Amino acid sequence: MKRYNVFALAREAARYHSGWERAWASPQPKKHYDVIIVGAGGHGLATAYYLGKNFGITNVAVIEKGWLGGGNTGRNTTIIRSNYLQDPSAAIYEKSRSLYETMSQDLNYNVMFSPRGVIMLAQTEHEVRGYKRTAQANALQGVATEFIGPEKVKQLVPIIRLEGPRYPVLGGLWQARGGTARHDAVAWGYARACSDMGMDIIQKCEVTGVQQEGGRVTGVQTTKGDIGCNKLGVVVAGHSGVLADMAGFRLPLESVALQALVSEPIKPCMDVVVMANTVHGYMSQSDKGEMVIGGGTDAGNNYTQRGSFHHVEETVSALVETFPMISRLKMLRQWGGIVDVTGDRSPILSKTPVEGMFINAGWGTGGFKAIPGSGWAMAELMAKGHSPLTEEFSMFRFREGKFIDESVAAGVAH
């Protein structure tokens, strides 16, 4: 694989970009692999990458029923932060945030990581107390956050209205090293690195069954034939329950749609990410000038990937209270993604009742920010049978009552 650098860019510009290689190969599946990862989104590709980089396991296939990065990885709003309350959550999200900082160099692929900072607004006294508690917990966890007053919020976000008609801004939880990255580039960068290590990325290949023998996984049935494996990792977000059902067990989660939209592009006016949980919305500005807007999940369980006008109305009307200037913008496009949500709003990274089968699910609305940390932890779990980052996130914690309650820190649709 040729390295990307300024000299390669200049050379290809001189010859009309005729010499670029394909970023990753598209092979036909082999009969057997050491490891199969189902799901070629960010989490699945990151798992494969760290299996190769950290443990030298490269006889790996990443299987995707659609196109690479076409699920939630390509449909999220790109926010990266680690200001979670519980220790296990803070550990894996902070690991992820730190990996994002060096990802472009590690992958030799520009993922456009932008540590612009994230503010979670406090608009009620209850939120003030909650965020001060989180800031103190983060200090003990080694996560750099601070609670700031409304004057500092206004300084960081000049377009904000502090004296909102229903909920004034009383302060916010500020993480200066949070930010955003280019979602597609994260998937493409991992895919390119995996392919360079000799891994097979197989698109348009749907898994239709999980093969077992004596309680141990032996392979999968797909639309491109049966493929054998020694270990199987299932990383399919909103369809996690479907794959678990194929293997004969149930997961304690539900799938719902999460919607987002972007406005027409405008001149730069906001260089941080703002989450407003009380009015139920969040917003940032993309490099192209679009205001990237999202809110909460749909009320009912579903598998739709479409937007709906009533949800746009709810989210935008809430944000207009805090950012009056956006009332004059036109919507450019909207979309939906399928997220899988657990009862305690924390993920599942776990062994399963089927020996040799592992599950990575339940990220709910916070999956993008966790991609590298999730991949690192899942690779360690699959290679070694245990990982300090995954110990608390077993699927069996619900049976034992060992919940990791992040319903508040998960915020609005994160």
Protein backbone atom coordinates (compact mmCIF):
# COMPACT_ATOMS: atom_id res chain seq x y z
CA MET A 1 0.00 0.00 0.00
CA LYS A 2 1.39 3.38 -0.98
CA ARG A 3 1.58 5.93 1.80
CA TYR A 4 -0.36 9.13 1.47
CA ASN A 5 1.79 12.25 1.80
CA VAL A 6 2.25 15.68 0.26
CA PHE A 7 4.68 14.37 -2.35
CA ALA A 8 2.23 11.68 -3.52
CA LEU A 9 -0.49 14.32 -3.71
CA ALA A 10 1.68 16.60 -5.85
CA ARG A 11 2.74 13.71 -8.10
CA GLU A 12 -0.82 12.57 -8.73
CA ALA A 13 -2.01 16.12 -9.31
CA ALA A 14 0.61 16.42 -12.06
CA ARG A 15 -0.66 13.29 -13.81
CA TYR A 16 -4.37 14.01 -13.31
CA HIS A 17 -4.76 11.57 -10.40
CA SER A 18 -4.37 8.55 -12.65
CA GLY A 19 -2.05 6.58 -10.37
CA TRP A 20 -4.03 6.21 -7.15
CA GLU A 21 -4.51 2.63 -5.95
CA ARG A 22 -7.80 1.28 -4.66
CA ALA A 23 -8.02 2.01 -0.96
CA TRP A 24 -9.02 -1.56 -0.14
CA ALA A 25 -9.49 -4.82 -2.01
CA SER A 26 -12.87 -6.50 -2.62
CA PRO A 27 -12.07 -10.24 -2.64
CA GLN A 28 -14.35 -13.25 -2.72
CA PRO A 29 -14.67 -14.98 0.67
CA LYS A 30 -12.41 -17.89 1.55
CA LYS A 31 -13.78 -21.10 3.03
CA HIS A 32 -12.36 -20.48 6.50
CA TYR A 33 -10.93 -17.68 8.65
CA ASP A 34 -9.48 -17.48 12.12
CA VAL A 35 -11.89 -14.65 12.90
CA ILE A 36 -15.02 -13.34 11.20
CA ILE A 37 -16.35 -9.90 12.11
CA VAL A 38 -19.95 -9.30 11.07
CA GLY A 39 -20.46 -5.60 10.41
CA ALA A 40 -18.14 -3.32 8.41
CA GLY A 41 -18.96 -0.16 10.29
CA GLY A 42 -16.52 1.76 12.44
CA HIS A 43 -16.67 -0.64 15.41
CA GLY A 44 -16.28 -3.77 13.30
CA LEU A 45 -13.41 -2.41 11.24
CA ALA A 46 -11.67 -1.05 14.35
CA THR A 47 -11.96 -4.48 15.98
CA ALA A 48 -10.35 -6.11 12.94
CA TYR A 49 -7.62 -3.45 12.79
CA TYR A 50 -6.58 -3.86 16.42
CA LEU A 51 -6.71 -7.66 16.13
CA GLY A 52 -4.02 -7.30 13.49
CA LYS A 53 -2.05 -4.42 14.96
CA ASN A 54 -2.04 -5.49 18.62
CA PHE A 55 -2.20 -9.29 18.36
CA GLY A 56 -0.96 -10.21 14.88
CA ILE A 57 -4.26 -11.89 13.92
CA THR A 58 -4.72 -11.11 10.24
CA ASN A 59 -6.61 -14.11 8.83
CA VAL A 60 -9.76 -12.10 9.32
CA ALA A 61 -12.89 -11.43 7.26
CA VAL A 62 -15.11 -8.41 7.83
CA ILE A 63 -18.55 -9.15 6.37
CA GLU A 64 -21.06 -6.43 5.54
CA LYS A 65 -24.57 -6.94 4.14
CA GLY A 66 -24.56 -3.50 2.52
CA TRP A 67 -21.67 -1.20 1.76
CA LEU A 68 -18.77 -0.36 4.03
CA GLY A 69 -19.70 2.31 6.57
CA GLY A 70 -23.25 2.55 5.21
CA GLY A 71 -25.00 2.01 8.53
CA ASN A 72 -24.75 4.17 11.63
CA THR A 73 -21.11 5.05 10.92
CA GLY A 74 -22.20 7.08 7.91
CA ARG A 75 -25.34 8.46 9.57
CA ASN A 76 -24.20 9.94 12.89
CA THR A 77 -23.35 13.50 13.87
CA THR A 78 -19.64 12.86 14.59
CA ILE A 79 -19.43 14.08 18.21
CA ILE A 80 -16.50 12.84 20.32
CA ARG A 81 -16.39 13.22 24.11
CA SER A 82 -15.59 11.18 27.22
CA ASN A 83 -17.29 13.09 30.06
CA TYR A 84 -19.25 10.14 31.42
CA LEU A 85 -20.14 9.61 35.07
CA GLN A 86 -19.40 5.95 35.79
CA ASP A 87 -15.79 4.72 35.96
CA PRO A 88 -16.11 1.91 33.34
CA SER A 89 -17.74 4.32 30.87
CA ALA A 90 -15.17 7.06 31.39
CA ALA A 91 -12.35 4.54 30.92
CA ILE A 92 -13.46 3.23 27.53
CA TYR A 93 -14.61 6.60 26.17
CA GLU A 94 -11.41 8.34 27.29
CA LYS A 95 -9.37 5.56 25.69
CA SER A 96 -11.33 6.19 22.51
CA ARG A 97 -10.91 9.96 22.63
CA SER A 98 -7.16 9.61 23.09
CA LEU A 99 -6.92 7.21 20.13
CA TYR A 100 -8.82 9.70 17.96
CA GLU A 101 -6.08 12.27 18.60
CA THR A 102 -3.46 10.16 16.82
CA MET A 103 -5.72 8.24 14.44
CA SER A 104 -4.78 10.15 11.28
CA GLN A 105 -1.10 9.45 11.86
CA ASP A 106 -1.67 5.83 12.92
CA LEU A 107 -3.77 5.02 9.84
CA ASN A 108 -1.96 7.34 7.40
CA TYR A 109 -5.42 8.65 6.55
CA ASN A 110 -6.83 12.06 7.43
CA VAL A 111 -9.94 11.49 9.57
CA MET A 112 -10.28 15.26 10.10
CA PHE A 113 -10.27 15.04 13.88
CA SER A 114 -11.14 18.48 15.28
CA PRO A 115 -10.72 18.90 19.07
CA ARG A 116 -12.96 21.95 19.09
CA GLY A 117 -14.52 21.26 22.50
CA VAL A 118 -17.96 20.11 23.67
CA ILE A 119 -20.36 21.94 26.00
CA MET A 120 -23.27 20.18 27.69
CA LEU A 121 -25.57 23.04 28.71
CA ALA A 122 -27.07 23.21 32.20
CA GLN A 123 -30.49 24.82 31.89
CA THR A 124 -32.05 23.72 35.20
CA GLU A 125 -30.73 23.63 38.76
CA HIS A 126 -30.93 19.85 38.61
CA GLU A 127 -28.58 19.83 35.62
CA VAL A 128 -26.19 22.21 37.39
CA ARG A 129 -25.90 19.79 40.30
CA GLY A 130 -25.61 16.80 37.97
CA TYR A 131 -22.84 18.29 35.83
CA LYS A 132 -20.86 19.51 38.83
CA ARG A 133 -21.01 15.95 40.13
CA THR A 134 -19.83 14.63 36.76
CA ALA A 135 -16.97 17.15 36.67
CA GLN A 136 -15.80 15.94 40.09
CA ALA A 137 -16.07 12.30 39.00
CA ASN A 138 -14.12 13.10 35.82
CA ALA A 139 -11.37 14.69 37.89
CA LEU A 140 -10.97 11.44 39.84
CA GLN A 141 -10.99 9.48 36.57
CA GLY A 142 -8.33 11.62 34.92
CA VAL A 143 -10.75 13.03 32.34
CA ALA A 144 -10.21 16.77 31.81
CA THR A 145 -13.58 18.55 32.17
CA GLU A 146 -14.84 21.56 34.09
CA PHE A 147 -18.12 23.23 34.96
CA ILE A 148 -18.29 26.73 33.52
CA GLY A 149 -20.68 29.62 34.14
CA PRO A 150 -22.98 31.32 31.62
CA GLU A 151 -20.45 34.08 30.90
CA LYS A 152 -17.87 31.54 29.73
CA VAL A 153 -20.55 29.75 27.70
CA LYS A 154 -21.38 33.02 25.92
CA GLN A 155 -17.70 33.66 25.30
CA LEU A 156 -17.30 30.23 23.67
CA VAL A 157 -20.62 30.39 21.77
CA PRO A 158 -21.44 34.02 20.86
CA ILE A 159 -24.62 33.06 18.96
CA ILE A 160 -26.25 31.50 22.03
CA ARG A 161 -29.15 33.14 23.88
CA LEU A 162 -28.57 32.85 27.62
CA GLU A 163 -31.97 34.10 28.83
CA GLY A 164 -34.10 31.59 26.91
CA PRO A 165 -37.88 31.97 27.20
CA ARG A 166 -38.32 28.67 29.08
CA TYR A 167 -34.86 27.53 30.15
CA PRO A 168 -32.05 30.04 30.72
CA VAL A 169 -28.45 28.87 30.37
CA LEU A 170 -27.04 28.47 33.89
CA GLY A 171 -23.68 27.06 32.85
CA GLY A 172 -22.32 23.93 31.24
CA LEU A 173 -19.99 20.95 31.45
CA TRP A 174 -17.04 21.84 29.19
CA GLN A 175 -14.62 19.31 27.72
CA ALA A 176 -12.04 21.26 25.77
CA ARG A 177 -10.44 18.18 24.17
CA GLY A 178 -13.72 16.78 22.87
CA GLY A 179 -14.75 17.53 19.31
CA THR A 180 -15.64 15.93 16.00
CA ALA A 181 -14.16 13.81 13.20
CA ARG A 182 -15.19 12.87 9.67
CA HIS A 183 -17.33 9.75 10.10
CA ASP A 184 -16.79 8.28 6.62
CA ALA A 185 -13.04 8.85 6.83
CA VAL A 186 -12.83 6.86 10.07
CA ALA A 187 -14.37 3.81 8.37
CA TRP A 188 -12.31 4.28 5.19
CA GLY A 189 -9.07 4.68 7.11
CA TYR A 190 -9.61 1.51 9.12
CA ALA A 191 -10.71 -0.39 6.00
CA ARG A 192 -7.58 0.65 4.11
CA ALA A 193 -5.32 -0.42 6.98
CA CYS A 194 -7.13 -3.76 7.41
CA SER A 195 -6.87 -4.53 3.71
CA ASP A 196 -3.17 -3.70 3.78
CA MET A 197 -2.70 -6.30 6.53
CA GLY A 198 -4.26 -8.94 4.29
CA MET A 199 -7.73 -8.99 5.80
CA ASP A 200 -10.75 -9.57 3.53
CA ILE A 201 -13.50 -6.95 3.49
CA ILE A 202 -16.54 -8.58 1.91
CA GLN A 203 -19.42 -6.27 1.03
CA LYS A 204 -22.92 -7.13 -0.20
CA CYS A 205 -22.73 -10.35 1.84
CA GLU A 206 -25.59 -10.83 4.29
CA VAL A 207 -25.33 -13.31 7.16
CA THR A 208 -28.39 -15.57 7.21
CA GLY A 209 -27.40 -18.03 9.94
CA VAL A 210 -24.85 -18.88 12.64
CA GLN A 211 -23.35 -22.37 12.47
CA GLN A 212 -22.62 -24.21 15.72
CA GLU A 213 -21.34 -27.59 16.82
CA GLY A 214 -21.41 -28.76 20.43
CA GLY A 215 -22.26 -25.26 21.68
CA ARG A 216 -19.34 -23.67 19.83
CA VAL A 217 -19.49 -21.42 16.79
CA THR A 218 -18.06 -22.93 13.62
CA GLY A 219 -19.02 -20.38 10.97
CA VAL A 220 -21.78 -18.41 9.32
CA GLN A 221 -24.21 -18.92 6.48
CA THR A 222 -24.24 -16.01 4.04
CA THR A 223 -25.67 -15.02 0.69
CA LYS A 224 -22.22 -15.81 -0.72
CA GLY A 225 -22.08 -19.31 0.78
CA ASP A 226 -21.00 -20.85 4.08
CA ILE A 227 -17.84 -19.44 5.68
CA GLY A 228 -16.10 -21.20 8.56
CA CYS A 229 -14.31 -19.54 11.48
CA ASN A 230 -12.76 -20.21 14.86
CA LYS A 231 -14.13 -17.03 16.44
CA LEU A 232 -17.05 -14.80 15.50
CA GLY A 233 -17.54 -11.16 16.44
CA VAL A 234 -20.98 -9.61 15.93
CA VAL A 235 -20.85 -5.82 15.59
CA VAL A 236 -24.06 -4.85 13.79
CA ALA A 237 -25.57 -2.04 15.92
CA GLY A 238 -29.35 -1.90 15.47
CA HIS A 239 -29.53 -5.45 14.13
CA SER A 240 -27.67 -7.03 17.08
CA GLY A 241 -30.85 -8.70 18.31
CA VAL A 242 -31.43 -10.26 14.90
CA LEU A 243 -27.98 -11.90 14.83
CA ALA A 244 -28.32 -13.02 18.44
CA ASP A 245 -31.62 -14.67 17.59
CA MET A 246 -29.89 -16.58 14.78
CA ALA A 247 -27.44 -17.92 17.36
CA GLY A 248 -30.21 -18.93 19.76
CA PHE A 249 -30.05 -16.33 22.54
CA ARG A 250 -31.66 -12.99 23.33
CA LEU A 251 -30.04 -9.64 24.06
CA PRO A 252 -31.43 -7.18 26.63
CA LEU A 253 -31.83 -4.28 24.22
CA GLU A 254 -34.26 -2.63 21.82
CA SER A 255 -33.80 -0.96 18.44
CA VAL A 256 -35.09 2.53 17.70
CA ALA A 257 -34.50 5.15 15.02
CA LEU A 258 -32.37 8.22 15.64
CA GLN A 259 -32.76 11.16 13.29
CA ALA A 260 -30.55 14.08 12.34
CA LEU A 261 -30.42 16.88 9.77
CA VAL A 262 -28.15 19.56 8.38
CA SER A 263 -28.96 23.09 7.33
CA GLU A 264 -27.84 24.95 4.26
CA PRO A 265 -24.19 26.04 4.61
CA ILE A 266 -23.47 29.43 6.15
CA LYS A 267 -20.37 31.36 7.16
CA PRO A 268 -18.52 30.13 10.29
CA CYS A 269 -20.43 31.16 13.41
CA MET A 270 -19.89 28.35 15.93
CA ASP A 271 -16.64 26.49 16.49
CA VAL A 272 -17.66 24.23 19.40
CA VAL A 273 -20.22 21.48 19.86
CA VAL A 274 -23.23 22.32 22.04
CA MET A 275 -25.61 19.81 23.60
CA ALA A 276 -28.82 21.12 25.19
CA ASN A 277 -30.43 18.21 27.00
CA THR A 278 -33.29 20.08 28.65
CA VAL A 279 -34.69 21.43 25.38
CA HIS A 280 -33.62 18.19 23.72
CA GLY A 281 -31.25 19.04 20.91
CA TYR A 282 -27.61 19.45 19.99
CA MET A 283 -25.74 21.30 17.26
CA SER A 284 -22.33 21.85 15.69
CA GLN A 285 -21.09 23.42 12.47
CA SER A 286 -19.39 21.29 9.85
CA ASP A 287 -16.31 22.25 7.86
CA LYS A 288 -18.62 22.98 4.92
CA GLY A 289 -20.66 25.44 6.98
CA GLU A 290 -23.73 23.28 7.57
CA MET A 291 -25.33 23.33 11.00
CA VAL A 292 -25.45 19.67 12.06
CA ILE A 293 -28.53 19.14 14.24
CA GLY A 294 -29.91 16.18 16.15
CA GLY A 295 -32.19 15.30 19.03
CA GLY A 296 -33.66 12.30 20.81
CA THR A 297 -34.61 8.87 19.54
CA ASP A 298 -38.01 8.04 18.10
CA ALA A 299 -40.69 7.16 20.63
CA GLY A 300 -41.38 3.63 19.36
CA ASN A 301 -39.24 0.67 18.38
CA ASN A 302 -38.54 0.46 14.66
CA TYR A 303 -35.93 -0.29 12.02
CA THR A 304 -36.48 2.71 9.76
CA GLN A 305 -33.61 4.77 8.32
CA ARG A 306 -35.80 7.65 7.17
CA GLY A 307 -36.45 11.05 8.68
CA SER A 308 -39.83 12.43 9.71
CA PHE A 309 -41.07 16.00 9.73
CA HIS A 310 -42.64 15.88 13.19
CA HIS A 311 -39.28 14.94 14.70
CA VAL A 312 -37.53 17.75 12.83
CA GLU A 313 -40.13 20.18 14.15
CA GLU A 314 -39.64 19.03 17.75
CA THR A 315 -35.85 19.25 17.60
CA VAL A 316 -35.54 22.51 15.68
CA SER A 317 -38.23 24.33 17.66
CA ALA A 318 -36.34 23.45 20.85
CA LEU A 319 -33.00 24.65 19.51
CA VAL A 320 -34.47 27.90 18.15
CA GLU A 321 -35.14 28.91 21.76
CA THR A 322 -31.42 28.73 22.54
CA PHE A 323 -30.08 29.72 19.09
CA PRO A 324 -32.63 32.15 17.57
CA MET A 325 -30.50 32.76 14.45
CA ILE A 326 -31.13 29.24 13.12
CA SER A 327 -34.83 30.06 12.63
CA ARG A 328 -33.85 31.70 9.33
CA LEU A 329 -32.01 28.67 7.93
CA LYS A 330 -33.32 26.20 5.39
CA MET A 331 -32.96 22.48 5.93
CA LEU A 332 -30.63 20.83 3.40
CA ARG A 333 -31.25 17.14 4.16
CA GLN A 334 -32.31 14.75 6.93
CA TRP A 335 -31.83 11.05 7.63
CA GLY A 336 -32.22 8.33 10.23
CA GLY A 337 -30.17 5.49 11.67
CA ILE A 338 -31.02 2.42 13.74
CA VAL A 339 -29.56 2.38 17.26
CA ASP A 340 -29.71 -0.41 19.83
CA VAL A 341 -30.38 0.74 23.38
CA THR A 342 -29.90 -1.15 26.65
CA GLY A 343 -31.81 -0.54 29.86
CA ASP A 344 -28.89 1.19 31.59
CA ARG A 345 -27.83 3.10 28.46
CA SER A 346 -24.40 1.42 28.47
CA PRO A 347 -22.97 -0.90 25.82
CA ILE A 348 -22.43 -4.65 25.74
CA LEU A 349 -18.93 -5.96 24.94
CA SER A 350 -19.12 -9.56 25.94
CA LYS A 351 -18.73 -13.26 25.46
CA THR A 352 -22.03 -14.97 24.67
CA PRO A 353 -23.69 -18.30 25.55
CA VAL A 354 -22.16 -19.65 22.31
CA GLU A 355 -18.49 -20.45 22.82
CA GLY A 356 -16.22 -18.52 20.47
CA MET A 357 -18.91 -15.93 19.69
CA PHE A 358 -18.55 -12.37 20.96
CA ILE A 359 -20.98 -9.44 20.84
CA ASN A 360 -20.39 -5.69 20.61
CA ALA A 361 -23.74 -3.92 20.87
CA GLY A 362 -25.94 -1.52 22.80
CA TRP A 363 -24.03 1.71 22.15
CA GLY A 364 -27.35 3.44 21.69
CA THR A 365 -26.81 6.98 20.51
CA GLY A 366 -23.12 7.18 21.52
CA GLY A 367 -21.43 4.76 19.16
CA PHE A 368 -19.29 7.02 16.98
CA LYS A 369 -17.30 8.56 19.80
CA ALA A 370 -16.41 5.07 21.05
CA ILE A 371 -15.18 3.50 17.79
CA PRO A 372 -11.41 3.23 18.42
CA GLY A 373 -11.77 2.41 22.13
CA SER A 374 -14.45 -0.16 21.39
CA GLY A 375 -12.32 -1.77 18.68
CA TRP A 376 -9.27 -1.84 20.97
CA ALA A 377 -11.23 -3.46 23.81
CA MET A 378 -13.15 -5.90 21.61
CA ALA A 379 -9.95 -7.07 19.90
CA GLU A 380 -8.35 -7.72 23.29
CA LEU A 381 -11.43 -9.62 24.48
CA MET A 382 -11.49 -11.81 21.37
CA ALA A 383 -7.74 -12.46 21.33
CA LYS A 384 -7.13 -13.01 25.04
CA GLY A 385 -10.55 -13.89 26.43
CA HIS A 386 -10.63 -10.88 28.73
CA SER A 387 -10.02 -7.13 28.69
CA PRO A 388 -10.02 -4.64 31.58
CA LEU A 389 -12.03 -2.25 29.42
CA THR A 390 -14.86 -4.78 28.87
CA GLU A 391 -15.12 -6.52 32.25
CA GLU A 392 -18.05 -4.40 33.45
CA PHE A 393 -19.89 -4.47 30.11
CA SER A 394 -20.84 -8.17 30.03
CA MET A 395 -24.28 -9.04 28.69
CA PHE A 396 -24.78 -11.05 31.87
CA ARG A 397 -24.68 -7.95 34.10
CA PHE A 398 -28.43 -7.51 33.62
CA ARG A 399 -29.08 -10.95 35.09
CA GLU A 400 -26.83 -10.07 38.03
CA GLY A 401 -28.18 -6.54 38.54
CA LYS A 402 -24.79 -4.89 37.97
CA PHE A 403 -26.05 -1.95 35.94
CA ILE A 404 -23.84 0.88 34.63
CA ASP A 405 -26.41 3.68 34.70
CA GLU A 406 -25.51 6.34 32.12
CA SER A 407 -29.03 7.58 31.37
CA VAL A 408 -28.00 11.14 32.38
CA ALA A 409 -24.41 11.29 31.11
CA ALA A 410 -25.52 9.72 27.82
CA GLY A 411 -27.26 13.03 27.23
CA VAL A 412 -29.72 13.78 24.49
CA ALA A 413 -29.36 11.19 21.77
CA HIS A 414 -25.78 10.30 22.61
